[in-house]
Amino acid sequence: MDGHPIENLMRTAMESIKEMVNVNTIIGDAVEAPDGTVIIPVSRVTFGFAAGGSEFCGKGGQEKDRGDKGEETKKIPFGGGSGGGISIQPVAFMVVGQGQIRLLPVHQNAMWERVIDLAPQILEQLRTTLKRTPEPIVVQPK
């Protein structure tokens, strides 16, 4: 056993979390629709981790153990635990197709995301409107 038991405990827990969370968890696998549009899911991943342990002595005190070289060492009992949690929440879908890229948020209160998504179209319409020559105003006498 290498190092302190808490090191092994933490290493095992972190390796398990690493197996569960990767880049494909956040930016999902692309799905192609029949019309050629590609849909890519985007998620928010949150995870937490905690570990702890304690060395303690029982009624008889410390146990004696023979080391690798035969010398007598004192072995202290160890108790520990670890835990972790992961939350995966879908946030949006990126839709690529028909010459444009759109980000469609999952939640309904995404007004600002929608405004940002539509900003290029609104600016183009304003530019087109301002380039037109104004028509003269004719006032008819009564």
N, C-alpha and C. Protein backbone atom coordinates (compact mmCIF):
# COMPACT_ATOMS: atom_id res chain seq x y z
N MET A 1 0.85 -1.17 0.00
CA MET A 1 0.00 0.00 0.00
C MET A 1 0.89 1.23 0.00
N ASP A 2 0.76 2.11 -1.00
CA ASP A 2 1.59 3.30 -1.11
C ASP A 2 1.01 4.44 -0.29
N GLY A 3 1.85 5.10 0.47
CA GLY A 3 1.43 6.30 1.18
C GLY A 3 0.39 6.02 2.26
N HIS A 4 -0.27 7.07 2.63
CA HIS A 4 -1.28 7.03 3.67
C HIS A 4 -2.60 6.52 3.09
N PRO A 5 -3.41 5.82 3.89
CA PRO A 5 -4.68 5.30 3.38
C PRO A 5 -5.61 6.37 2.82
N ILE A 6 -5.55 7.60 3.32
CA ILE A 6 -6.42 8.66 2.81
C ILE A 6 -6.07 9.01 1.36
N GLU A 7 -4.79 8.88 1.01
CA GLU A 7 -4.37 9.14 -0.36
C GLU A 7 -5.03 8.16 -1.32
N ASN A 8 -5.01 6.88 -0.96
CA ASN A 8 -5.64 5.87 -1.81
C ASN A 8 -7.14 6.08 -1.91
N LEU A 9 -7.75 6.46 -0.80
CA LEU A 9 -9.18 6.72 -0.77
C LEU A 9 -9.54 7.86 -1.71
N MET A 10 -8.80 8.94 -1.65
CA MET A 10 -9.07 10.10 -2.51
C MET A 10 -8.76 9.79 -3.97
N ARG A 11 -7.69 9.08 -4.24
CA ARG A 11 -7.33 8.73 -5.61
C ARG A 11 -8.42 7.90 -6.28
N THR A 12 -8.94 6.92 -5.55
CA THR A 12 -10.01 6.07 -6.08
C THR A 12 -11.26 6.89 -6.39
N ALA A 13 -11.64 7.77 -5.48
CA ALA A 13 -12.84 8.59 -5.69
C ALA A 13 -12.65 9.54 -6.87
N MET A 14 -11.51 10.19 -6.99
CA MET A 14 -11.27 11.12 -8.09
C MET A 14 -11.21 10.40 -9.43
N GLU A 15 -10.67 9.20 -9.48
CA GLU A 15 -10.65 8.44 -10.73
C GLU A 15 -12.06 8.06 -11.16
N SER A 16 -12.92 7.76 -10.20
CA SER A 16 -14.31 7.45 -10.53
C SER A 16 -15.04 8.66 -11.08
N ILE A 17 -14.80 9.83 -10.50
CA ILE A 17 -15.42 11.05 -11.01
C ILE A 17 -14.88 11.36 -12.41
N LYS A 18 -13.60 11.17 -12.63
CA LYS A 18 -12.99 11.43 -13.93
C LYS A 18 -13.61 10.55 -15.02
N GLU A 19 -13.95 9.32 -14.68
CA GLU A 19 -14.59 8.42 -15.64
C GLU A 19 -15.99 8.91 -16.01
N MET A 20 -16.70 9.52 -15.04
CA MET A 20 -18.07 9.96 -15.29
C MET A 20 -18.15 11.27 -16.05
N VAL A 21 -17.23 12.19 -15.79
CA VAL A 21 -17.29 13.53 -16.39
C VAL A 21 -16.19 13.65 -17.43
N ASN A 22 -16.59 13.93 -18.67
CA ASN A 22 -15.63 14.24 -19.72
C ASN A 22 -16.24 15.32 -20.61
N VAL A 23 -15.54 15.72 -21.63
CA VAL A 23 -16.02 16.80 -22.49
C VAL A 23 -17.33 16.44 -23.18
N ASN A 24 -17.57 15.17 -23.46
CA ASN A 24 -18.82 14.78 -24.11
C ASN A 24 -20.02 14.89 -23.17
N THR A 25 -19.78 15.05 -21.89
CA THR A 25 -20.88 15.27 -20.96
C THR A 25 -21.38 16.71 -21.08
N ILE A 26 -20.49 17.66 -21.32
CA ILE A 26 -20.86 19.07 -21.42
C ILE A 26 -21.35 19.39 -22.83
N ILE A 27 -20.55 19.11 -23.83
CA ILE A 27 -20.96 19.28 -25.22
C ILE A 27 -21.23 17.87 -25.72
N GLY A 28 -22.52 17.54 -25.89
CA GLY A 28 -22.92 16.18 -26.22
C GLY A 28 -22.61 15.79 -27.65
N ASP A 29 -22.87 14.55 -27.97
CA ASP A 29 -22.67 14.03 -29.32
C ASP A 29 -23.67 14.66 -30.26
N ALA A 30 -23.21 15.04 -31.45
CA ALA A 30 -24.07 15.67 -32.44
C ALA A 30 -25.06 14.67 -33.02
N VAL A 31 -26.27 15.15 -33.29
CA VAL A 31 -27.32 14.33 -33.90
C VAL A 31 -27.71 15.00 -35.21
N GLU A 32 -27.73 14.24 -36.30
CA GLU A 32 -28.08 14.81 -37.59
C GLU A 32 -29.53 14.49 -37.92
N ALA A 33 -30.29 15.54 -38.24
CA ALA A 33 -31.70 15.41 -38.60
C ALA A 33 -31.79 15.00 -40.07
N PRO A 34 -32.94 14.49 -40.52
CA PRO A 34 -33.08 14.07 -41.92
C PRO A 34 -32.82 15.19 -42.94
N ASP A 35 -33.08 16.45 -42.58
CA ASP A 35 -32.85 17.55 -43.53
C ASP A 35 -31.41 18.04 -43.53
N GLY A 36 -30.52 17.39 -42.79
CA GLY A 36 -29.10 17.75 -42.76
C GLY A 36 -28.73 18.68 -41.62
N THR A 37 -29.69 19.15 -40.86
CA THR A 37 -29.42 20.00 -39.71
C THR A 37 -28.75 19.18 -38.61
N VAL A 38 -27.73 19.75 -38.00
CA VAL A 38 -27.01 19.09 -36.92
C VAL A 38 -27.41 19.73 -35.60
N ILE A 39 -27.79 18.91 -34.62
CA ILE A 39 -28.22 19.38 -33.31
C ILE A 39 -27.21 18.89 -32.28
N ILE A 40 -26.67 19.84 -31.49
CA ILE A 40 -25.65 19.51 -30.49
C ILE A 40 -26.17 19.93 -29.12
N PRO A 41 -26.35 18.99 -28.19
CA PRO A 41 -26.80 19.36 -26.85
C PRO A 41 -25.67 19.97 -26.01
N VAL A 42 -26.03 20.97 -25.21
CA VAL A 42 -25.08 21.63 -24.31
C VAL A 42 -25.63 21.51 -22.90
N SER A 43 -24.80 21.05 -21.95
CA SER A 43 -25.25 20.84 -20.58
C SER A 43 -24.34 21.56 -19.59
N ARG A 44 -24.88 21.79 -18.41
CA ARG A 44 -24.10 22.34 -17.30
C ARG A 44 -23.81 21.17 -16.36
N VAL A 45 -22.55 20.99 -16.02
CA VAL A 45 -22.16 19.90 -15.14
C VAL A 45 -21.58 20.50 -13.86
N THR A 46 -22.11 20.06 -12.73
CA THR A 46 -21.64 20.51 -11.43
C THR A 46 -21.29 19.27 -10.61
N PHE A 47 -20.15 19.27 -9.97
CA PHE A 47 -19.83 18.13 -9.13
C PHE A 47 -19.12 18.59 -7.86
N GLY A 48 -19.28 17.76 -6.84
CA GLY A 48 -18.63 18.03 -5.57
C GLY A 48 -18.01 16.76 -5.03
N PHE A 49 -17.04 16.93 -4.15
CA PHE A 49 -16.29 15.79 -3.65
C PHE A 49 -15.84 16.10 -2.23
N ALA A 50 -15.90 15.12 -1.39
CA ALA A 50 -15.41 15.26 -0.01
C ALA A 50 -14.78 13.95 0.44
N ALA A 51 -13.74 14.05 1.24
CA ALA A 51 -13.09 12.87 1.80
C ALA A 51 -12.56 13.22 3.18
N GLY A 52 -12.51 12.23 4.01
CA GLY A 52 -11.98 12.47 5.35
C GLY A 52 -11.61 11.16 6.01
N GLY A 53 -10.83 11.26 7.03
CA GLY A 53 -10.41 10.06 7.74
C GLY A 53 -9.81 10.40 9.08
N SER A 54 -9.56 9.36 9.85
CA SER A 54 -9.02 9.55 11.17
C SER A 54 -8.19 8.33 11.58
N GLU A 55 -7.12 8.59 12.26
CA GLU A 55 -6.35 7.52 12.87
C GLU A 55 -6.72 7.52 14.35
N PHE A 56 -6.95 6.37 14.90
CA PHE A 56 -7.37 6.31 16.30
C PHE A 56 -6.82 5.06 16.95
N CYS A 57 -6.80 5.10 18.27
CA CYS A 57 -6.31 3.97 19.04
C CYS A 57 -7.48 3.29 19.73
N GLY A 58 -7.44 1.97 19.78
CA GLY A 58 -8.47 1.22 20.48
C GLY A 58 -8.13 1.11 21.96
N LYS A 59 -8.77 0.20 22.65
CA LYS A 59 -8.54 0.02 24.10
C LYS A 59 -7.11 -0.44 24.38
N GLY A 60 -6.58 -1.28 23.52
CA GLY A 60 -5.26 -1.84 23.78
C GLY A 60 -4.13 -0.94 23.34
N GLY A 61 -4.42 0.23 22.86
CA GLY A 61 -3.36 1.12 22.38
C GLY A 61 -3.03 0.80 20.93
N GLN A 62 -1.81 1.07 20.54
CA GLN A 62 -1.40 0.88 19.16
C GLN A 62 -0.98 -0.56 18.94
N GLU A 63 -1.33 -1.08 17.77
CA GLU A 63 -0.93 -2.45 17.42
C GLU A 63 0.50 -2.42 16.91
N LYS A 64 1.21 -3.52 17.11
CA LYS A 64 2.58 -3.60 16.63
C LYS A 64 2.59 -4.42 15.34
N ASP A 65 3.45 -4.01 14.42
CA ASP A 65 3.53 -4.64 13.12
C ASP A 65 5.00 -4.74 12.72
N ARG A 66 5.33 -5.78 11.97
CA ARG A 66 6.69 -5.94 11.48
C ARG A 66 6.79 -5.25 10.12
N GLY A 67 7.76 -4.34 9.97
CA GLY A 67 7.95 -3.64 8.70
C GLY A 67 8.66 -4.53 7.69
N ASP A 68 8.99 -3.93 6.54
CA ASP A 68 9.67 -4.66 5.46
C ASP A 68 11.05 -5.17 5.89
N LYS A 69 11.72 -4.43 6.72
CA LYS A 69 13.08 -4.80 7.11
C LYS A 69 13.10 -5.60 8.41
N GLY A 70 11.94 -5.96 8.93
CA GLY A 70 11.87 -6.77 10.13
C GLY A 70 11.80 -5.98 11.41
N GLU A 71 11.96 -4.62 11.34
CA GLU A 71 11.88 -3.86 12.58
C GLU A 71 10.42 -3.72 13.00
N GLU A 72 10.24 -3.56 14.27
CA GLU A 72 8.89 -3.46 14.82
C GLU A 72 8.41 -2.02 14.70
N THR A 73 7.24 -1.81 14.10
CA THR A 73 6.66 -0.47 13.97
C THR A 73 5.28 -0.47 14.60
N LYS A 74 4.81 0.70 14.94
CA LYS A 74 3.49 0.83 15.51
C LYS A 74 2.50 1.15 14.40
N LYS A 75 1.46 0.34 14.30
CA LYS A 75 0.45 0.52 13.28
C LYS A 75 -0.79 1.13 13.93
N ILE A 76 -1.21 2.28 13.43
CA ILE A 76 -2.36 2.98 13.98
C ILE A 76 -3.58 2.66 13.12
N PRO A 77 -4.67 2.21 13.71
CA PRO A 77 -5.88 1.92 12.91
C PRO A 77 -6.39 3.18 12.22
N PHE A 78 -6.91 3.01 11.02
CA PHE A 78 -7.41 4.13 10.21
C PHE A 78 -8.85 3.88 9.81
N GLY A 79 -9.67 4.90 9.86
CA GLY A 79 -11.05 4.84 9.37
C GLY A 79 -11.30 6.07 8.52
N GLY A 80 -11.95 5.88 7.39
CA GLY A 80 -12.19 7.03 6.52
C GLY A 80 -13.32 6.77 5.55
N GLY A 81 -13.67 7.78 4.83
CA GLY A 81 -14.72 7.67 3.83
C GLY A 81 -14.65 8.82 2.85
N SER A 82 -15.32 8.65 1.74
CA SER A 82 -15.37 9.71 0.74
C SER A 82 -16.72 9.65 0.06
N GLY A 83 -17.05 10.74 -0.57
CA GLY A 83 -18.32 10.79 -1.28
C GLY A 83 -18.27 11.87 -2.34
N GLY A 84 -19.15 11.75 -3.28
CA GLY A 84 -19.20 12.73 -4.35
C GLY A 84 -20.59 12.78 -4.95
N GLY A 85 -20.86 13.84 -5.65
CA GLY A 85 -22.14 13.97 -6.32
C GLY A 85 -21.98 14.75 -7.61
N ILE A 86 -22.80 14.42 -8.59
CA ILE A 86 -22.75 15.08 -9.90
C ILE A 86 -24.15 15.48 -10.30
N SER A 87 -24.27 16.68 -10.84
CA SER A 87 -25.55 17.17 -11.36
C SER A 87 -25.33 17.56 -12.82
N ILE A 88 -26.15 17.01 -13.70
CA ILE A 88 -26.08 17.34 -15.12
C ILE A 88 -27.41 17.97 -15.51
N GLN A 89 -27.34 19.22 -15.99
CA GLN A 89 -28.55 19.96 -16.33
C GLN A 89 -28.46 20.42 -17.78
N PRO A 90 -29.43 20.04 -18.63
CA PRO A 90 -29.41 20.53 -20.01
C PRO A 90 -29.62 22.04 -20.03
N VAL A 91 -28.83 22.75 -20.83
CA VAL A 91 -28.90 24.20 -20.88
C VAL A 91 -29.45 24.68 -22.22
N ALA A 92 -28.95 24.10 -23.31
CA ALA A 92 -29.34 24.59 -24.63
C ALA A 92 -29.04 23.53 -25.69
N PHE A 93 -29.51 23.81 -26.89
CA PHE A 93 -29.19 23.01 -28.06
C PHE A 93 -28.63 23.94 -29.12
N MET A 94 -27.47 23.58 -29.69
CA MET A 94 -26.91 24.35 -30.78
C MET A 94 -27.39 23.69 -32.07
N VAL A 95 -28.04 24.49 -32.92
CA VAL A 95 -28.60 23.98 -34.16
C VAL A 95 -27.80 24.58 -35.31
N VAL A 96 -27.15 23.72 -36.10
CA VAL A 96 -26.32 24.15 -37.23
C VAL A 96 -26.95 23.61 -38.50
N GLY A 97 -27.34 24.51 -39.37
CA GLY A 97 -27.94 24.09 -40.63
C GLY A 97 -28.56 25.25 -41.38
N GLN A 98 -28.79 25.06 -42.65
CA GLN A 98 -29.41 26.05 -43.52
C GLN A 98 -28.64 27.37 -43.50
N GLY A 99 -27.32 27.27 -43.44
CA GLY A 99 -26.46 28.44 -43.50
C GLY A 99 -26.41 29.28 -42.24
N GLN A 100 -26.87 28.79 -41.13
CA GLN A 100 -26.83 29.56 -39.89
C GLN A 100 -26.61 28.66 -38.69
N ILE A 101 -26.20 29.29 -37.60
CA ILE A 101 -26.01 28.60 -36.32
C ILE A 101 -26.90 29.31 -35.31
N ARG A 102 -27.72 28.53 -34.60
CA ARG A 102 -28.62 29.09 -33.60
C ARG A 102 -28.42 28.35 -32.28
N LEU A 103 -28.56 29.10 -31.20
CA LEU A 103 -28.50 28.51 -29.87
C LEU A 103 -29.89 28.59 -29.28
N LEU A 104 -30.51 27.44 -29.05
CA LEU A 104 -31.86 27.39 -28.51
C LEU A 104 -31.80 26.99 -27.04
N PRO A 105 -32.04 27.94 -26.13
CA PRO A 105 -32.00 27.62 -24.70
C PRO A 105 -33.15 26.72 -24.29
N VAL A 106 -32.93 25.91 -23.28
CA VAL A 106 -33.95 24.97 -22.81
C VAL A 106 -34.98 25.68 -21.95
N HIS A 107 -34.54 26.57 -21.06
CA HIS A 107 -35.47 27.23 -20.15
C HIS A 107 -36.21 28.36 -20.87
N GLN A 108 -37.42 28.64 -20.43
CA GLN A 108 -38.30 29.60 -21.08
C GLN A 108 -37.93 31.05 -20.76
N ASN A 109 -37.23 31.31 -19.68
CA ASN A 109 -36.90 32.67 -19.27
C ASN A 109 -35.60 33.15 -19.91
N ALA A 110 -35.35 32.77 -21.13
CA ALA A 110 -34.09 33.09 -21.78
C ALA A 110 -34.25 34.27 -22.74
N MET A 111 -34.86 35.34 -22.26
CA MET A 111 -35.11 36.48 -23.12
C MET A 111 -33.80 37.08 -23.63
N TRP A 112 -32.81 37.26 -22.74
CA TRP A 112 -31.56 37.90 -23.15
C TRP A 112 -30.79 37.03 -24.15
N GLU A 113 -30.83 35.72 -23.96
CA GLU A 113 -30.16 34.85 -24.91
C GLU A 113 -30.81 34.96 -26.29
N ARG A 114 -32.13 35.07 -26.30
CA ARG A 114 -32.87 35.21 -27.56
C ARG A 114 -32.55 36.54 -28.24
N VAL A 115 -32.45 37.62 -27.45
CA VAL A 115 -32.11 38.94 -28.01
C VAL A 115 -30.71 38.89 -28.63
N ILE A 116 -29.77 38.27 -27.92
CA ILE A 116 -28.41 38.15 -28.47
C ILE A 116 -28.41 37.31 -29.73
N ASP A 117 -29.22 36.27 -29.76
CA ASP A 117 -29.31 35.40 -30.94
C ASP A 117 -29.87 36.16 -32.14
N LEU A 118 -30.83 37.06 -31.90
CA LEU A 118 -31.47 37.80 -32.99
C LEU A 118 -30.76 39.11 -33.34
N ALA A 119 -29.76 39.52 -32.57
CA ALA A 119 -29.08 40.80 -32.78
C ALA A 119 -28.56 40.99 -34.21
N PRO A 120 -27.90 40.02 -34.83
CA PRO A 120 -27.42 40.24 -36.21
C PRO A 120 -28.57 40.52 -37.19
N GLN A 121 -29.68 39.85 -37.04
CA GLN A 121 -30.81 40.08 -37.94
C GLN A 121 -31.41 41.47 -37.73
N ILE A 122 -31.52 41.90 -36.46
CA ILE A 122 -32.07 43.22 -36.16
C ILE A 122 -31.15 44.31 -36.71
N LEU A 123 -29.84 44.17 -36.54
CA LEU A 123 -28.90 45.16 -37.06
C LEU A 123 -28.96 45.24 -38.58
N GLU A 124 -29.11 44.13 -39.25
CA GLU A 124 -29.21 44.12 -40.71
C GLU A 124 -30.48 44.84 -41.17
N GLN A 125 -31.59 44.62 -40.48
CA GLN A 125 -32.83 45.29 -40.84
C GLN A 125 -32.71 46.80 -40.61
N LEU A 126 -32.07 47.22 -39.51
CA LEU A 126 -31.86 48.64 -39.26
C LEU A 126 -30.97 49.26 -40.33
N ARG A 127 -29.93 48.59 -40.71
CA ARG A 127 -29.01 49.08 -41.73
C ARG A 127 -29.75 49.26 -43.06
N THR A 128 -30.58 48.30 -43.42
CA THR A 128 -31.34 48.37 -44.67
C THR A 128 -32.34 49.53 -44.62
N THR A 129 -32.99 49.71 -43.49
CA THR A 129 -33.98 50.78 -43.34
C THR A 129 -33.31 52.15 -43.42
N LEU A 130 -32.15 52.33 -42.81
CA LEU A 130 -31.47 53.62 -42.82
C LEU A 130 -30.86 53.95 -44.17
N LYS A 131 -30.56 52.99 -45.01
CA LYS A 131 -29.97 53.24 -46.32
C LYS A 131 -30.99 53.74 -47.33
N ARG A 132 -32.26 53.47 -47.11
CA ARG A 132 -33.28 53.93 -48.04
C ARG A 132 -33.33 55.45 -48.07
N THR A 133 -33.59 56.00 -49.28
CA THR A 133 -33.74 57.45 -49.38
C THR A 133 -35.14 57.82 -48.92
N PRO A 134 -35.25 58.83 -48.10
CA PRO A 134 -36.57 59.19 -47.62
C PRO A 134 -37.42 59.80 -48.74
N GLU A 135 -38.66 59.49 -48.73
CA GLU A 135 -39.61 60.05 -49.71
C GLU A 135 -39.98 61.44 -49.28
N PRO A 136 -40.07 62.39 -50.25
CA PRO A 136 -40.42 63.76 -49.88
C PRO A 136 -41.85 63.82 -49.33
N ILE A 137 -42.04 64.70 -48.38
CA ILE A 137 -43.36 64.90 -47.81
C ILE A 137 -44.02 66.03 -48.58
N VAL A 138 -45.15 65.74 -49.14
CA VAL A 138 -45.91 66.73 -49.92
C VAL A 138 -47.11 67.16 -49.10
N VAL A 139 -47.19 68.51 -48.96
CA VAL A 139 -48.30 69.05 -48.19
C VAL A 139 -49.30 69.63 -49.20
N GLN A 140 -50.51 69.18 -49.15
CA GLN A 140 -51.57 69.65 -50.05
C GLN A 140 -52.26 70.86 -49.43
N PRO A 141 -52.39 71.95 -50.20
CA PRO A 141 -53.12 73.09 -49.65
C PRO A 141 -54.60 72.79 -49.56
N LYS A 142 -55.30 73.36 -48.62
CA LYS A 142 -56.73 73.12 -48.44
C LYS A 142 -57.58 74.09 -49.17
